[in-house]
């Protein structure tokens, strides 16, 4: 069993590159939190495959 490495935020984690990065980080023992505006990402991918916390928003949104 992998040791819990802590939490990490992946921006754009619902897209192709971000989702692969998020999966690798999960496999390394990190708890992954994904921030994505879903313009090019897929919410279903995050919810069904990655099973990560998803924050729908933009990094430019000051109120996040």
C-alpha atoms as a PDB file:
ATOM      1  CA  UNK A   1       0.000   0.000   0.000  1.00  0.00           C
ATOM      2  CA  UNK A   2       1.248   3.458  -0.870  1.00  0.00           C
ATOM      3  CA  UNK A   3       1.879   6.017   1.828  1.00  0.00           C
ATOM      4  CA  UNK A   4      -0.436   9.037   1.746  1.00  0.00           C
ATOM      5  CA  UNK A   5       1.631  11.782   0.120  1.00  0.00           C
ATOM      6  CA  UNK A   6      -0.840  14.586   0.852  1.00  0.00           C
ATOM      7  CA  UNK A   7      -3.131  16.650  -1.325  1.00  0.00           C
ATOM      8  CA  UNK A   8      -2.308  18.142  -4.699  1.00  0.00           C
ATOM      9  CA  UNK A   9      -4.278  20.437  -7.005  1.00  0.00           C
ATOM     10  CA  UNK A  10      -4.252  19.655 -10.728  1.00  0.00           C
ATOM     11  CA  UNK A  11      -5.546  22.475 -12.908  1.00  0.00           C
ATOM     12  CA  UNK A  12      -7.023  21.269 -16.176  1.00  0.00           C
ATOM     13  CA  UNK A  13      -7.317  17.790 -14.696  1.00  0.00           C
ATOM     14  CA  UNK A  14     -10.398  16.837 -16.710  1.00  0.00           C
ATOM     15  CA  UNK A  15      -8.569  17.147 -20.035  1.00  0.00           C
ATOM     16  CA  UNK A  16      -6.263  14.673 -21.745  1.00  0.00           C
ATOM     17  CA  UNK A  17      -2.897  15.653 -20.260  1.00  0.00           C
ATOM     18  CA  UNK A  18      -4.286  16.705 -16.891  1.00  0.00           C
ATOM     19  CA  UNK A  19      -6.237  13.480 -16.406  1.00  0.00           C
ATOM     20  CA  UNK A  20      -3.173  11.360 -17.124  1.00  0.00           C
ATOM     21  CA  UNK A  21      -1.171  13.479 -14.692  1.00  0.00           C
ATOM     22  CA  UNK A  22      -3.902  13.161 -12.062  1.00  0.00           C
ATOM     23  CA  UNK A  23      -4.007   9.386 -12.481  1.00  0.00           C
ATOM     24  CA  UNK A  24      -0.225   9.098 -12.085  1.00  0.00           C
ATOM     25  CA  UNK A  25      -0.351  11.259  -8.961  1.00  0.00           C
ATOM     26  CA  UNK A  26      -3.153   9.117  -7.507  1.00  0.00           C
ATOM     27  CA  UNK A  27      -1.107   5.998  -8.156  1.00  0.00           C
ATOM     28  CA  UNK A  28       1.819   7.654  -6.358  1.00  0.00           C
ATOM     29  CA  UNK A  29      -0.334   8.102  -3.262  1.00  0.00           C
ATOM     30  CA  UNK A  30      -1.547  11.684  -3.566  1.00  0.00           C
ATOM     31  CA  UNK A  31      -5.105  12.816  -2.934  1.00  0.00           C
ATOM     32  CA  UNK A  32      -5.894  14.685  -6.151  1.00  0.00           C
ATOM     33  CA  UNK A  33      -8.193  17.690  -6.348  1.00  0.00           C
ATOM     34  CA  UNK A  34      -9.051  18.781  -9.877  1.00  0.00           C
ATOM     35  CA  UNK A  35      -9.862  22.337 -10.945  1.00  0.00           C
ATOM     36  CA  UNK A  36     -11.233  22.583 -14.467  1.00  0.00           C
ATOM     37  CA  UNK A  37     -13.603  24.879 -16.347  1.00  0.00           C
ATOM     38  CA  UNK A  38     -14.674  21.912 -18.538  1.00  0.00           C
ATOM     39  CA  UNK A  39     -14.232  23.828 -21.797  1.00  0.00           C
ATOM     40  CA  UNK A  40     -12.036  21.002 -23.091  1.00  0.00           C
ATOM     41  CA  UNK A  41     -12.424  18.593 -20.175  1.00  0.00           C
ATOM     42  CA  UNK A  42     -14.813  15.780 -19.364  1.00  0.00           C
ATOM     43  CA  UNK A  43     -16.694  15.744 -16.059  1.00  0.00           C
ATOM     44  CA  UNK A  44     -17.633  12.066 -16.509  1.00  0.00           C
ATOM     45  CA  UNK A  45     -13.950  11.132 -16.711  1.00  0.00           C
ATOM     46  CA  UNK A  46     -13.227  12.739 -13.360  1.00  0.00           C
ATOM     47  CA  UNK A  47     -16.275  11.259 -11.657  1.00  0.00           C
ATOM     48  CA  UNK A  48     -16.086   7.697 -12.998  1.00  0.00           C
ATOM     49  CA  UNK A  49     -12.429   6.967 -13.737  1.00  0.00           C
ATOM     50  CA  UNK A  50     -10.414   9.234 -11.471  1.00  0.00           C
ATOM     51  CA  UNK A  51     -13.007   9.477  -8.680  1.00  0.00           C
ATOM     52  CA  UNK A  52     -11.380  12.734  -7.589  1.00  0.00           C
ATOM     53  CA  UNK A  53     -12.797  15.874  -6.084  1.00  0.00           C
ATOM     54  CA  UNK A  54     -13.760  18.192  -8.939  1.00  0.00           C
ATOM     55  CA  UNK A  55     -14.028  21.944  -8.641  1.00  0.00           C
ATOM     56  CA  UNK A  56     -15.636  23.444 -11.726  1.00  0.00           C
ATOM     57  CA  UNK A  57     -14.142  26.871 -12.247  1.00  0.00           C
ATOM     58  CA  UNK A  58     -11.335  28.893 -13.721  1.00  0.00           C
ATOM     59  CA  UNK A  59      -7.978  29.844 -12.237  1.00  0.00           C
ATOM     60  CA  UNK A  60      -8.764  33.453 -13.187  1.00  0.00           C
ATOM     61  CA  UNK A  61     -11.821  33.448 -10.903  1.00  0.00           C
ATOM     62  CA  UNK A  62     -10.725  35.448  -7.863  1.00  0.00           C
ATOM     63  CA  UNK A  63     -13.719  34.235  -5.802  1.00  0.00           C
ATOM     64  CA  UNK A  64     -12.719  30.580  -5.982  1.00  0.00           C
END
